Amino acid sequence: MSERIISGRPIFLAAAATVVLATGGLGFVVGTTGQERGRSMDLLVTQFQMSPLSMALFGMVLTTVVLAALFGLVSVVSRYDEDAGRSTR
């Protein structure tokens, strides 16, 4: 029987997209139910108004950056793993 290698990338991409969309939804809810609308929020080098759209975008961007960094690190580390491409059967 021939051995074939199945990539997990599509699964990780689908999971990442789901997490980013869920984070956007949560950010929208937080922005909608916020106590002080119109108040500006200072974050490191930028400043933005606290609205549903800005909170959703902020959550989605931050989640995307964190997931890209984590997946990038896993990708780099897997290059140095000698057994990564071998089957354990």
Protein backbone atom coordinates (compact mmCIF):
# COMPACT_ATOMS: atom_id res chain seq x y z
CA MET A 1 0.00 0.00 0.00
CA SER A 2 1.36 3.43 -0.84
CA GLU A 3 1.97 5.90 1.92
CA ARG A 4 0.67 9.37 1.40
CA ILE A 5 1.23 12.45 3.50
CA ILE A 6 -1.87 14.41 4.42
CA SER A 7 -1.39 18.10 5.18
CA GLY A 8 -3.09 19.66 8.19
CA ARG A 9 -2.86 23.18 6.79
CA PRO A 10 -6.45 23.38 5.51
CA ILE A 11 -7.73 22.34 8.93
CA PHE A 12 -5.59 24.95 10.67
CA LEU A 13 -6.67 27.64 8.21
CA ALA A 14 -10.35 26.79 8.72
CA ALA A 15 -9.90 26.84 12.50
CA ALA A 16 -8.05 30.16 12.32
CA ALA A 17 -10.76 31.71 10.13
CA THR A 18 -13.43 30.51 12.56
CA VAL A 19 -11.57 31.96 15.54
CA VAL A 20 -11.01 35.31 13.78
CA LEU A 21 -14.69 35.58 12.83
CA ALA A 22 -15.79 34.66 16.36
CA THR A 23 -13.44 37.29 17.77
CA GLY A 24 -14.94 39.86 15.42
CA GLY A 25 -18.41 38.96 16.67
CA LEU A 26 -17.33 39.23 20.29
CA GLY A 27 -15.65 42.56 19.61
CA PHE A 28 -18.85 43.82 18.01
CA VAL A 29 -20.86 42.77 21.08
CA VAL A 30 -18.37 44.44 23.42
CA GLY A 31 -18.47 47.61 21.33
CA THR A 32 -22.26 47.59 21.29
CA THR A 33 -22.67 47.09 25.03
CA GLY A 34 -19.87 49.46 26.01
CA GLN A 35 -20.69 51.99 28.71
CA GLU A 36 -18.83 54.98 27.30
CA ARG A 37 -19.55 55.38 23.61
CA GLY A 38 -17.51 57.83 21.66
CA ARG A 39 -14.64 57.63 24.12
CA SER A 40 -11.26 57.28 22.49
CA MET A 41 -9.01 54.37 23.36
CA ASP A 42 -5.24 54.73 23.34
CA LEU A 43 -3.33 51.64 22.34
CA LEU A 44 0.45 51.82 22.06
CA VAL A 45 0.92 54.13 19.07
CA THR A 46 -2.66 54.51 17.87
CA GLN A 47 -5.92 55.96 19.09
CA PHE A 48 -9.44 55.02 17.98
CA GLN A 49 -13.05 55.56 19.00
CA MET A 50 -14.76 52.74 20.87
CA SER A 51 -17.54 51.68 18.51
CA PRO A 52 -18.86 48.25 17.53
CA LEU A 53 -17.01 48.30 14.21
CA SER A 54 -13.69 49.47 15.62
CA MET A 55 -13.79 46.95 18.47
CA ALA A 56 -14.61 44.11 16.04
CA LEU A 57 -11.79 45.11 13.70
CA PHE A 58 -9.36 45.49 16.60
CA GLY A 59 -10.18 42.00 17.87
CA MET A 60 -9.91 40.47 14.41
CA VAL A 61 -6.57 42.13 13.63
CA LEU A 62 -5.06 41.24 16.99
CA THR A 63 -6.24 37.62 16.72
CA THR A 64 -4.90 37.35 13.17
CA VAL A 65 -1.48 38.64 14.23
CA VAL A 66 -1.27 36.26 17.20
CA LEU A 67 -2.38 33.22 15.18
CA ALA A 68 -0.01 34.06 12.32
CA ALA A 69 2.87 34.31 14.79
CA LEU A 70 1.97 30.99 16.42
CA PHE A 71 1.50 29.15 13.13
CA GLY A 72 4.72 30.69 11.83
CA LEU A 73 6.63 29.46 14.86
CA VAL A 74 5.19 25.96 14.46
CA SER A 75 6.21 26.00 10.81
CA VAL A 76 9.78 27.03 11.65
CA VAL A 77 10.10 24.48 14.44
CA SER A 78 8.72 21.68 12.27
CA ARG A 79 11.55 22.22 9.79
CA TYR A 80 14.00 21.17 12.48
CA ASP A 81 12.01 18.11 13.54
CA GLU A 82 13.53 15.05 11.89
CA ASP A 83 10.45 12.85 12.39
CA ALA A 84 7.87 15.40 11.18
CA GLY A 85 7.46 13.85 7.73
CA ARG A 86 7.64 10.21 8.79
CA SER A 87 4.73 7.94 9.54
CA THR A 88 4.64 6.28 12.96
CA ARG A 89 2.94 3.08 11.70
